[in-house]
């Protein structure tokens, strides 16, 4: 259960990062509010997952999901570049997340 909660928390991190981007420095009301709401939900779910998962594992997986998810949103939604070096970096992050999961099993 904690792993599912952690995954949802990581996905919500992607949502709040995207909302923050489109808020244009918190100058647009709706995206600014969404950023705060999704940020609070993401933190709350992370906190819940940390009750039963190790700190290092939970935090690393949470930030990794947020980093790779935001990277993908940047490419597919915002039209950011997807060059070989950036793709390799994302693969390395995902590899680290898999190793964290395997090591805490």
PDB file of N, CA and C in Angstrom:
ATOM      1  N   UNK A   1       0.820  -1.206   0.000  1.00  0.00           N
ATOM      2  CA  UNK A   1       0.000   0.000   0.000  1.00  0.00           C
ATOM      3  C   UNK A   1       0.861   1.265   0.000  1.00  0.00           C
ATOM      4  N   UNK A   2       1.929   1.264   0.796  1.00  0.00           N
ATOM      5  CA  UNK A   2       2.798   2.444   0.888  1.00  0.00           C
ATOM      6  C   UNK A   2       3.436   2.756  -0.460  1.00  0.00           C
ATOM      7  N   UNK A   3       3.770   1.726  -1.222  1.00  0.00           N
ATOM      8  CA  UNK A   3       4.376   1.954  -2.535  1.00  0.00           C
ATOM      9  C   UNK A   3       3.389   2.611  -3.493  1.00  0.00           C
ATOM     10  N   UNK A   4       2.149   2.191  -3.459  1.00  0.00           N
ATOM     11  CA  UNK A   4       1.135   2.810  -4.327  1.00  0.00           C
ATOM     12  C   UNK A   4       0.923   4.276  -3.953  1.00  0.00           C
ATOM     13  N   UNK A   5       0.870   4.535  -2.658  1.00  0.00           N
ATOM     14  CA  UNK A   5       0.710   5.912  -2.173  1.00  0.00           C
ATOM     15  C   UNK A   5       1.904   6.757  -2.615  1.00  0.00           C
ATOM     16  N   UNK A   6       3.095   6.182  -2.524  1.00  0.00           N
ATOM     17  CA  UNK A   6       4.306   6.900  -2.924  1.00  0.00           C
ATOM     18  C   UNK A   6       4.293   7.205  -4.421  1.00  0.00           C
ATOM     19  N   UNK A   7       3.843   6.275  -5.225  1.00  0.00           N
ATOM     20  CA  UNK A   7       3.761   6.510  -6.672  1.00  0.00           C
ATOM     21  C   UNK A   7       2.778   7.643  -6.969  1.00  0.00           C
ATOM     22  N   UNK A   8       1.625   7.626  -6.318  1.00  0.00           N
ATOM     23  CA  UNK A   8       0.650   8.710  -6.518  1.00  0.00           C
ATOM     24  C   UNK A   8       1.248  10.042  -6.063  1.00  0.00           C
ATOM     25  N   UNK A   9       1.961  10.040  -4.943  1.00  0.00           N
ATOM     26  CA  UNK A   9       2.611  11.264  -4.465  1.00  0.00           C
ATOM     27  C   UNK A   9       3.596  11.791  -5.504  1.00  0.00           C
ATOM     28  N   UNK A  10       4.354  10.892  -6.114  1.00  0.00           N
ATOM     29  CA  UNK A  10       5.301  11.294  -7.152  1.00  0.00           C
ATOM     30  C   UNK A  10       4.601  11.855  -8.380  1.00  0.00           C
ATOM     31  N   UNK A  11       3.497  11.241  -8.764  1.00  0.00           N
ATOM     32  CA  UNK A  11       2.732  11.745  -9.911  1.00  0.00           C
ATOM     33  C   UNK A  11       2.135  13.120  -9.618  1.00  0.00           C
ATOM     34  N   UNK A  12       1.695  13.315  -8.381  1.00  0.00           N
ATOM     35  CA  UNK A  12       1.180  14.637  -7.999  1.00  0.00           C
ATOM     36  C   UNK A  12       2.287  15.684  -8.008  1.00  0.00           C
ATOM     37  N   UNK A  13       3.522  15.244  -7.748  1.00  0.00           N
ATOM     38  CA  UNK A  13       4.647  16.175  -7.844  1.00  0.00           C
ATOM     39  C   UNK A  13       4.801  16.674  -9.276  1.00  0.00           C
ATOM     40  N   UNK A  14       4.603  15.791 -10.227  1.00  0.00           N
ATOM     41  CA  UNK A  14       4.655  16.186 -11.642  1.00  0.00           C
ATOM     42  C   UNK A  14       3.564  17.215 -11.939  1.00  0.00           C
ATOM     43  N   UNK A  15       2.373  16.977 -11.416  1.00  0.00           N
ATOM     44  CA  UNK A  15       1.255  17.897 -11.655  1.00  0.00           C
ATOM     45  C   UNK A  15       1.558  19.273 -11.073  1.00  0.00           C
ATOM     46  N   UNK A  16       2.070  19.309  -9.836  1.00  0.00           N
ATOM     47  CA  UNK A  16       2.315  20.637  -9.265  1.00  0.00           C
ATOM     48  C   UNK A  16       3.486  21.337  -9.940  1.00  0.00           C
ATOM     49  N   UNK A  17       4.472  20.579 -10.408  1.00  0.00           N
ATOM     50  CA  UNK A  17       5.582  21.212 -11.130  1.00  0.00           C
ATOM     51  C   UNK A  17       5.082  21.834 -12.437  1.00  0.00           C
ATOM     52  N   UNK A  18       4.234  21.107 -13.139  1.00  0.00           N
ATOM     53  CA  UNK A  18       3.663  21.636 -14.384  1.00  0.00           C
ATOM     54  C   UNK A  18       2.779  22.856 -14.097  1.00  0.00           C
ATOM     55  N   UNK A  19       1.956  22.762 -13.055  1.00  0.00           N
ATOM     56  CA  UNK A  19       1.102  23.898 -12.680  1.00  0.00           C
ATOM     57  C   UNK A  19       1.943  25.118 -12.339  1.00  0.00           C
ATOM     58  N   UNK A  20       3.061  24.884 -11.661  1.00  0.00           N
ATOM     59  CA  UNK A  20       3.941  25.999 -11.315  1.00  0.00           C
ATOM     60  C   UNK A  20       4.506  26.638 -12.582  1.00  0.00           C
ATOM     61  N   UNK A  21       4.884  25.816 -13.547  1.00  0.00           N
ATOM     62  CA  UNK A  21       5.416  26.331 -14.811  1.00  0.00           C
ATOM     63  C   UNK A  21       4.385  27.215 -15.504  1.00  0.00           C
ATOM     64  N   UNK A  22       3.145  26.734 -15.607  1.00  0.00           N
ATOM     65  CA  UNK A  22       2.131  27.517 -16.334  1.00  0.00           C
ATOM     66  C   UNK A  22       1.552  28.665 -15.498  1.00  0.00           C
ATOM     67  N   UNK A  23       1.921  28.723 -14.213  1.00  0.00           N
ATOM     68  CA  UNK A  23       1.465  29.859 -13.395  1.00  0.00           C
ATOM     69  C   UNK A  23       2.257  31.127 -13.716  1.00  0.00           C
ATOM     70  N   UNK A  24       3.352  30.953 -14.473  1.00  0.00           N
ATOM     71  CA  UNK A  24       4.215  32.079 -14.861  1.00  0.00           C
ATOM     72  C   UNK A  24       4.651  32.891 -13.643  1.00  0.00           C
ATOM     73  N   UNK A  25       5.348  32.203 -12.743  1.00  0.00           N
ATOM     74  CA  UNK A  25       5.847  32.884 -11.548  1.00  0.00           C
ATOM     75  C   UNK A  25       4.750  33.252 -10.573  1.00  0.00           C
ATOM     76  N   UNK A  26       3.725  32.423 -10.488  1.00  0.00           N
ATOM     77  CA  UNK A  26       2.566  32.642  -9.624  1.00  0.00           C
ATOM     78  C   UNK A  26       1.810  33.924  -9.977  1.00  0.00           C
ATOM     79  N   UNK A  27       1.869  34.302 -11.253  1.00  0.00           N
ATOM     80  CA  UNK A  27       1.131  35.495 -11.685  1.00  0.00           C
ATOM     81  C   UNK A  27      -0.253  35.160 -12.230  1.00  0.00           C
ATOM     82  N   UNK A  28      -0.539  33.865 -12.418  1.00  0.00           N
ATOM     83  CA  UNK A  28      -1.869  33.426 -12.855  1.00  0.00           C
ATOM     84  C   UNK A  28      -2.532  32.687 -11.701  1.00  0.00           C
ATOM     85  N   UNK A  29      -3.729  33.101 -11.348  1.00  0.00           N
ATOM     86  CA  UNK A  29      -4.390  32.620 -10.137  1.00  0.00           C
ATOM     87  C   UNK A  29      -4.681  31.117 -10.144  1.00  0.00           C
ATOM     88  N   UNK A  30      -5.378  30.637 -11.164  1.00  0.00           N
ATOM     89  CA  UNK A  30      -5.797  29.224 -11.156  1.00  0.00           C
ATOM     90  C   UNK A  30      -4.608  28.261 -11.103  1.00  0.00           C
ATOM     91  N   UNK A  31      -3.612  28.402 -11.985  1.00  0.00           N
ATOM     92  CA  UNK A  31      -2.472  27.487 -11.877  1.00  0.00           C
ATOM     93  C   UNK A  31      -1.720  27.634 -10.550  1.00  0.00           C
ATOM     94  N   UNK A  32      -1.702  28.820  -9.992  1.00  0.00           N
ATOM     95  CA  UNK A  32      -1.042  29.037  -8.699  1.00  0.00           C
ATOM     96  C   UNK A  32      -1.755  28.265  -7.596  1.00  0.00           C
ATOM     97  N   UNK A  33      -3.070  28.320  -7.593  1.00  0.00           N
ATOM     98  CA  UNK A  33      -3.862  27.584  -6.599  1.00  0.00           C
ATOM     99  C   UNK A  33      -3.672  26.084  -6.789  1.00  0.00           C
ATOM    100  N   UNK A  34      -3.715  25.631  -8.045  1.00  0.00           N
ATOM    101  CA  UNK A  34      -3.503  24.206  -8.323  1.00  0.00           C
ATOM    102  C   UNK A  34      -2.127  23.747  -7.850  1.00  0.00           C
ATOM    103  N   UNK A  35      -1.126  24.576  -8.041  1.00  0.00           N
ATOM    104  CA  UNK A  35       0.222  24.242  -7.571  1.00  0.00           C
ATOM    105  C   UNK A  35       0.220  23.978  -6.077  1.00  0.00           C
ATOM    106  N   UNK A  36      -0.375  24.866  -5.322  1.00  0.00           N
ATOM    107  CA  UNK A  36      -0.388  24.734  -3.864  1.00  0.00           C
ATOM    108  C   UNK A  36      -1.196  23.520  -3.426  1.00  0.00           C
ATOM    109  N   UNK A  37      -2.343  23.295  -4.047  1.00  0.00           N
ATOM    110  CA  UNK A  37      -3.201  22.156  -3.682  1.00  0.00           C
ATOM    111  C   UNK A  37      -2.491  20.831  -3.970  1.00  0.00           C
ATOM    112  N   UNK A  38      -1.945  20.691  -5.188  1.00  0.00           N
ATOM    113  CA  UNK A  38      -1.277  19.441  -5.536  1.00  0.00           C
ATOM    114  C   UNK A  38       0.021  19.255  -4.766  1.00  0.00           C
ATOM    115  N   UNK A  39       0.689  20.355  -4.439  1.00  0.00           N
ATOM    116  CA  UNK A  39       1.904  20.267  -3.636  1.00  0.00           C
ATOM    117  C   UNK A  39       1.572  19.733  -2.245  1.00  0.00           C
ATOM    118  N   UNK A  40       0.535  20.270  -1.649  1.00  0.00           N
ATOM    119  CA  UNK A  40       0.127  19.821  -0.311  1.00  0.00           C
ATOM    120  C   UNK A  40      -0.282  18.347  -0.336  1.00  0.00           C
ATOM    121  N   UNK A  41      -1.027  17.950  -1.358  1.00  0.00           N
ATOM    122  CA  UNK A  41      -1.450  16.552  -1.469  1.00  0.00           C
ATOM    123  C   UNK A  41      -0.248  15.638  -1.668  1.00  0.00           C
ATOM    124  N   UNK A  42       0.680  16.057  -2.493  1.00  0.00           N
ATOM    125  CA  UNK A  42       1.880  15.258  -2.740  1.00  0.00           C
ATOM    126  C   UNK A  42       2.697  15.077  -1.460  1.00  0.00           C
ATOM    127  N   UNK A  43       2.892  16.168  -0.722  1.00  0.00           N
ATOM    128  CA  UNK A  43       3.632  16.089   0.541  1.00  0.00           C
ATOM    129  C   UNK A  43       2.906  15.212   1.558  1.00  0.00           C
ATOM    130  N   UNK A  44       1.588  15.334   1.625  1.00  0.00           N
ATOM    131  CA  UNK A  44       0.820  14.532   2.583  1.00  0.00           C
ATOM    132  C   UNK A  44       0.949  13.043   2.274  1.00  0.00           C
ATOM    133  N   UNK A  45       0.861  12.691   0.991  1.00  0.00           N
ATOM    134  CA  UNK A  45       0.995  11.281   0.617  1.00  0.00           C
ATOM    135  C   UNK A  45       2.425  10.780   0.832  1.00  0.00           C
ATOM    136  N   UNK A  46       3.402  11.614   0.557  1.00  0.00           N
ATOM    137  CA  UNK A  46       4.795  11.242   0.842  1.00  0.00           C
ATOM    138  C   UNK A  46       4.968  10.974   2.330  1.00  0.00           C
ATOM    139  N   UNK A  47       4.422  11.836   3.145  1.00  0.00           N
ATOM    140  CA  UNK A  47       4.517  11.671   4.593  1.00  0.00           C
ATOM    141  C   UNK A  47       3.887  10.358   5.035  1.00  0.00           C
ATOM    142  N   UNK A  48       2.731  10.042   4.472  1.00  0.00           N
ATOM    143  CA  UNK A  48       2.056   8.787   4.803  1.00  0.00           C
ATOM    144  C   UNK A  48       2.918   7.586   4.400  1.00  0.00           C
ATOM    145  N   UNK A  49       3.479   7.634   3.191  1.00  0.00           N
ATOM    146  CA  UNK A  49       4.313   6.520   2.716  1.00  0.00           C
ATOM    147  C   UNK A  49       5.545   6.338   3.588  1.00  0.00           C
ATOM    148  N   UNK A  50       6.065   7.443   4.120  1.00  0.00           N
ATOM    149  CA  UNK A  50       7.272   7.370   4.955  1.00  0.00           C
ATOM    150  C   UNK A  50       7.019   6.706   6.307  1.00  0.00           C
ATOM    151  N   UNK A  51       5.765   6.499   6.655  1.00  0.00           N
ATOM    152  CA  UNK A  51       5.486   5.788   7.905  1.00  0.00           C
ATOM    153  C   UNK A  51       6.009   4.360   7.850  1.00  0.00           C
ATOM    154  N   UNK A  52       6.024   3.764   6.670  1.00  0.00           N
ATOM    155  CA  UNK A  52       6.454   2.371   6.578  1.00  0.00           C
ATOM    156  C   UNK A  52       7.619   2.140   5.618  1.00  0.00           C
ATOM    157  N   UNK A  53       8.021   3.148   4.867  1.00  0.00           N
ATOM    158  CA  UNK A  53       9.165   3.002   3.969  1.00  0.00           C
ATOM    159  C   UNK A  53      10.358   3.766   4.524  1.00  0.00           C
ATOM    160  N   UNK A  54      11.557   3.305   4.236  1.00  0.00           N
ATOM    161  CA  UNK A  54      12.745   4.037   4.692  1.00  0.00           C
ATOM    162  C   UNK A  54      12.799   5.437   4.075  1.00  0.00           C
ATOM    163  N   UNK A  55      13.287   6.385   4.838  1.00  0.00           N
ATOM    164  CA  UNK A  55      13.379   7.775   4.400  1.00  0.00           C
ATOM    165  C   UNK A  55      14.102   7.900   3.067  1.00  0.00           C
ATOM    166  N   UNK A  56      15.289   7.347   2.982  1.00  0.00           N
ATOM    167  CA  UNK A  56      16.086   7.482   1.765  1.00  0.00           C
ATOM    168  C   UNK A  56      15.396   6.905   0.549  1.00  0.00           C
ATOM    169  N   UNK A  57      14.775   5.771   0.709  1.00  0.00           N
ATOM    170  CA  UNK A  57      14.072   5.135  -0.402  1.00  0.00           C
ATOM    171  C   UNK A  57      12.857   5.953  -0.806  1.00  0.00           C
ATOM    172  N   UNK A  58      12.029   6.315   0.151  1.00  0.00           N
ATOM    173  CA  UNK A  58      10.799   7.053  -0.157  1.00  0.00           C
ATOM    174  C   UNK A  58      11.102   8.387  -0.820  1.00  0.00           C
ATOM    175  N   UNK A  59      12.026   9.132  -0.260  1.00  0.00           N
ATOM    176  CA  UNK A  59      12.320  10.453  -0.801  1.00  0.00           C
ATOM    177  C   UNK A  59      12.961  10.361  -2.185  1.00  0.00           C
ATOM    178  N   UNK A  60      13.853   9.402  -2.359  1.00  0.00           N
ATOM    179  CA  UNK A  60      14.510   9.232  -3.657  1.00  0.00           C
ATOM    180  C   UNK A  60      13.506   8.835  -4.732  1.00  0.00           C
ATOM    181  N   UNK A  61      12.626   7.911  -4.412  1.00  0.00           N
ATOM    182  CA  UNK A  61      11.616   7.486  -5.396  1.00  0.00           C
ATOM    183  C   UNK A  61      10.665   8.637  -5.702  1.00  0.00           C
ATOM    184  N   UNK A  62      10.236   9.361  -4.695  1.00  0.00           N
ATOM    185  CA  UNK A  62       9.331  10.495  -4.888  1.00  0.00           C
ATOM    186  C   UNK A  62       9.952  11.546  -5.812  1.00  0.00           C
ATOM    187  N   UNK A  63      11.176  11.939  -5.521  1.00  0.00           N
ATOM    188  CA  UNK A  63      11.825  12.954  -6.349  1.00  0.00           C
ATOM    189  C   UNK A  63      12.150  12.407  -7.738  1.00  0.00           C
ATOM    190  N   UNK A  64      12.474  11.124  -7.817  1.00  0.00           N
ATOM    191  CA  UNK A  64      12.766  10.526  -9.116  1.00  0.00           C
ATOM    192  C   UNK A  64      11.551  10.498 -10.019  1.00  0.00           C
ATOM    193  N   UNK A  65      10.410  10.102  -9.466  1.00  0.00           N
ATOM    194  CA  UNK A  65       9.170  10.115 -10.247  1.00  0.00           C
ATOM    195  C   UNK A  65       8.867  11.543 -10.693  1.00  0.00           C
ATOM    196  N   UNK A  66       9.041  12.481  -9.785  1.00  0.00           N
ATOM    197  CA  UNK A  66       8.798  13.880 -10.131  1.00  0.00           C
ATOM    198  C   UNK A  66       9.751  14.390 -11.202  1.00  0.00           C
ATOM    199  N   UNK A  67      11.012  14.020 -11.098  1.00  0.00           N
ATOM    200  CA  UNK A  67      12.012  14.485 -12.069  1.00  0.00           C
ATOM    201  C   UNK A  67      11.761  13.901 -13.455  1.00  0.00           C
ATOM    202  N   UNK A  68      11.602  12.596 -13.524  1.00  0.00           N
ATOM    203  CA  UNK A  68      11.393  11.955 -14.826  1.00  0.00           C
ATOM    204  C   UNK A  68      10.021  12.338 -15.391  1.00  0.00           C
ATOM    205  N   UNK A  69       9.011  12.376 -14.548  1.00  0.00           N
ATOM    206  CA  UNK A  69       7.688  12.775 -15.011  1.00  0.00           C
ATOM    207  C   UNK A  69       7.674  14.197 -15.543  1.00  0.00           C
ATOM    208  N   UNK A  70       8.339  15.098 -14.849  1.00  0.00           N
ATOM    209  CA  UNK A  70       8.412  16.489 -15.300  1.00  0.00           C
ATOM    210  C   UNK A  70       9.209  16.597 -16.595  1.00  0.00           C
ATOM    211  N   UNK A  71      10.256  15.797 -16.698  1.00  0.00           N
ATOM    212  CA  UNK A  71      11.054  15.732 -17.921  1.00  0.00           C
ATOM    213  C   UNK A  71      10.171  15.322 -19.101  1.00  0.00           C
ATOM    214  N   UNK A  72       9.343  14.293 -18.901  1.00  0.00           N
ATOM    215  CA  UNK A  72       8.461  13.810 -19.966  1.00  0.00           C
ATOM    216  C   UNK A  72       7.373  14.832 -20.313  1.00  0.00           C
ATOM    217  N   UNK A  73       6.807  15.483 -19.307  1.00  0.00           N
ATOM    218  CA  UNK A  73       5.824  16.535 -19.564  1.00  0.00           C
ATOM    219  C   UNK A  73       6.482  17.668 -20.359  1.00  0.00           C
ATOM    220  N   UNK A  74       7.694  17.999 -19.987  1.00  0.00           N
ATOM    221  CA  UNK A  74       8.422  19.036 -20.715  1.00  0.00           C
ATOM    222  C   UNK A  74       8.571  18.696 -22.190  1.00  0.00           C
ATOM    223  N   UNK A  75       8.894  17.440 -22.468  1.00  0.00           N
ATOM    224  CA  UNK A  75       9.072  17.018 -23.858  1.00  0.00           C
ATOM    225  C   UNK A  75       7.743  16.959 -24.595  1.00  0.00           C
ATOM    226  N   UNK A  76       6.772  16.231 -24.029  1.00  0.00           N
ATOM    227  CA  UNK A  76       5.537  15.944 -24.757  1.00  0.00           C
ATOM    228  C   UNK A  76       4.487  17.044 -24.699  1.00  0.00           C
ATOM    229  N   UNK A  77       4.512  17.861 -23.658  1.00  0.00           N
ATOM    230  CA  UNK A  77       3.498  18.911 -23.532  1.00  0.00           C
ATOM    231  C   UNK A  77       4.072  20.286 -23.866  1.00  0.00           C
ATOM    232  N   UNK A  78       5.286  20.542 -23.414  1.00  0.00           N
ATOM    233  CA  UNK A  78       5.863  21.876 -23.584  1.00  0.00           C
ATOM    234  C   UNK A  78       6.826  21.982 -24.765  1.00  0.00           C
ATOM    235  N   UNK A  79       7.097  20.854 -25.436  1.00  0.00           N
ATOM    236  CA  UNK A  79       7.964  20.890 -26.608  1.00  0.00           C
ATOM    237  C   UNK A  79       9.436  21.105 -26.314  1.00  0.00           C
ATOM    238  N   UNK A  80       9.882  20.714 -25.127  1.00  0.00           N
ATOM    239  CA  UNK A  80      11.290  20.852 -24.785  1.00  0.00           C
ATOM    240  C   UNK A  80      12.112  19.799 -25.531  1.00  0.00           C
ATOM    241  N   UNK A  81      13.408  20.047 -25.721  1.00  0.00           N
ATOM    242  CA  UNK A  81      14.238  19.111 -26.496  1.00  0.00           C
ATOM    243  C   UNK A  81      14.429  17.761 -25.800  1.00  0.00           C
ATOM    244  N   UNK A  82      14.554  16.721 -26.617  1.00  0.00           N
ATOM    245  CA  UNK A  82      14.784  15.365 -26.109  1.00  0.00           C
ATOM    246  C   UNK A  82      16.048  14.814 -26.753  1.00  0.00           C
ATOM    247  N   UNK A  83      17.188  15.397 -26.420  1.00  0.00           N
ATOM    248  CA  UNK A  83      18.430  14.925 -27.022  1.00  0.00           C
ATOM    249  C   UNK A  83      18.956  13.687 -26.287  1.00  0.00           C
ATOM    250  N   UNK A  84      19.977  13.088 -26.854  1.00  0.00           N
ATOM    251  CA  UNK A  84      20.502  11.819 -26.328  1.00  0.00           C
ATOM    252  C   UNK A  84      20.992  11.946 -24.886  1.00  0.00           C
ATOM    253  N   UNK A  85      21.657  13.016 -24.546  1.00  0.00           N
ATOM    254  CA  UNK A  85      22.198  13.189 -23.194  1.00  0.00           C
ATOM    255  C   UNK A  85      21.075  13.291 -22.162  1.00  0.00           C
ATOM    256  N   UNK A  86      20.034  14.030 -22.484  1.00  0.00           N
ATOM    257  CA  UNK A  86      18.894  14.152 -21.562  1.00  0.00           C
ATOM    258  C   UNK A  86      18.179  12.820 -21.403  1.00  0.00           C
ATOM    259  N   UNK A  87      18.058  12.072 -22.499  1.00  0.00           N
ATOM    260  CA  UNK A  87      17.413  10.763 -22.430  1.00  0.00           C
ATOM    261  C   UNK A  87      18.238   9.802 -21.574  1.00  0.00           C
ATOM    262  N   UNK A  88      19.552   9.828 -21.734  1.00  0.00           N
ATOM    263  CA  UNK A  88      20.425   8.988 -20.920  1.00  0.00           C
ATOM    264  C   UNK A  88      20.283   9.340 -19.438  1.00  0.00           C
ATOM    265  N   UNK A  89      20.216  10.612 -19.147  1.00  0.00           N
ATOM    266  CA  UNK A  89      20.044  11.046 -17.756  1.00  0.00           C
ATOM    267  C   UNK A  89      18.743  10.493 -17.177  1.00  0.00           C
ATOM    268  N   UNK A  90      17.662  10.537 -17.950  1.00  0.00           N
ATOM    269  CA  UNK A  90      16.372  10.008 -17.480  1.00  0.00           C
ATOM    270  C   UNK A  90      16.463   8.505 -17.259  1.00  0.00           C
ATOM    271  N   UNK A  91      17.138   7.794 -18.152  1.00  0.00           N
ATOM    272  CA  UNK A  91      17.313   6.338 -17.986  1.00  0.00           C
ATOM    273  C   UNK A  91      18.113   6.034 -16.724  1.00  0.00           C
ATOM    274  N   UNK A  92      19.122   6.825 -16.450  1.00  0.00           N
ATOM    275  CA  UNK A  92      19.913   6.612 -15.231  1.00  0.00           C
ATOM    276  C   UNK A  92      19.080   6.859 -13.972  1.00  0.00           C
ATOM    277  N   UNK A  93      18.228   7.875 -14.001  1.00  0.00           N
ATOM    278  CA  UNK A  93      17.342   8.132 -12.855  1.00  0.00           C
ATOM    279  C   UNK A  93      16.405   6.953 -12.653  1.00  0.00           C
ATOM    280  N   UNK A  94      15.798   6.476 -13.736  1.00  0.00           N
ATOM    281  CA  UNK A  94      14.884   5.337 -13.628  1.00  0.00           C
ATOM    282  C   UNK A  94      15.623   4.100 -13.117  1.00  0.00           C
ATOM    283  N   UNK A  95      16.846   3.895 -13.576  1.00  0.00           N
ATOM    284  CA  UNK A  95      17.650   2.763 -13.087  1.00  0.00           C
ATOM    285  C   UNK A  95      17.869   2.870 -11.578  1.00  0.00           C
ATOM    286  N   UNK A  96      18.147   4.068 -11.113  1.00  0.00           N
ATOM    287  CA  UNK A  96      18.319   4.280  -9.681  1.00  0.00           C
ATOM    288  C   UNK A  96      17.049   4.000  -8.897  1.00  0.00           C
ATOM    289  N   UNK A  97      15.910   4.375  -9.451  1.00  0.00           N
ATOM    290  CA  UNK A  97      14.637   4.113  -8.770  1.00  0.00           C
ATOM    291  C   UNK A  97      14.380   2.607  -8.665  1.00  0.00           C
ATOM    292  N   UNK A  98      14.663   1.891  -9.741  1.00  0.00           N
ATOM    293  CA  UNK A  98      14.473   0.437  -9.718  1.00  0.00           C
ATOM    294  C   UNK A  98      15.393  -0.191  -8.667  1.00  0.00           C
ATOM    295  N   UNK A  99      16.636   0.251  -8.621  1.00  0.00           N
ATOM    296  CA  UNK A  99      17.564  -0.282  -7.622  1.00  0.00           C
ATOM    297  C   UNK A  99      17.115   0.030  -6.199  1.00  0.00           C
ATOM    298  N   UNK A 100      16.561   1.228  -5.976  1.00  0.00           N
ATOM    299  CA  UNK A 100      16.037   1.566  -4.648  1.00  0.00           C
ATOM    300  C   UNK A 100      14.902   0.628  -4.258  1.00  0.00           C
ATOM    301  N   UNK A 101      14.010   0.377  -5.198  1.00  0.00           N
ATOM    302  CA  UNK A 101      12.877  -0.519  -4.921  1.00  0.00           C
ATOM    303  C   UNK A 101      13.356  -1.931  -4.622  1.00  0.00           C
ATOM    304  N   UNK A 102      14.263  -2.425  -5.432  1.00  0.00           N
ATOM    305  CA  UNK A 102      14.773  -3.786  -5.250  1.00  0.00           C
ATOM    306  C   UNK A 102      15.537  -3.905  -3.928  1.00  0.00           C
ATOM    307  N   UNK A 103      16.299  -2.892  -3.586  1.00  0.00           N
ATOM    308  CA  UNK A 103      17.118  -2.967  -2.374  1.00  0.00           C
ATOM    309  C   UNK A 103      16.304  -2.893  -1.094  1.00  0.00           C
ATOM    310  N   UNK A 104      15.091  -2.352  -1.173  1.00  0.00           N
ATOM    311  CA  UNK A 104      14.282  -2.232   0.041  1.00  0.00           C
ATOM    312  C   UNK A 104      13.232  -3.338   0.145  1.00  0.00           C
ATOM    313  N   UNK A 105      13.271  -4.267  -0.775  1.00  0.00           N
ATOM    314  CA  UNK A 105      12.287  -5.378  -0.746  1.00  0.00           C
ATOM    315  C   UNK A 105      12.669  -6.422   0.288  1.00  0.00           C
TER     316      UNK A 105
END
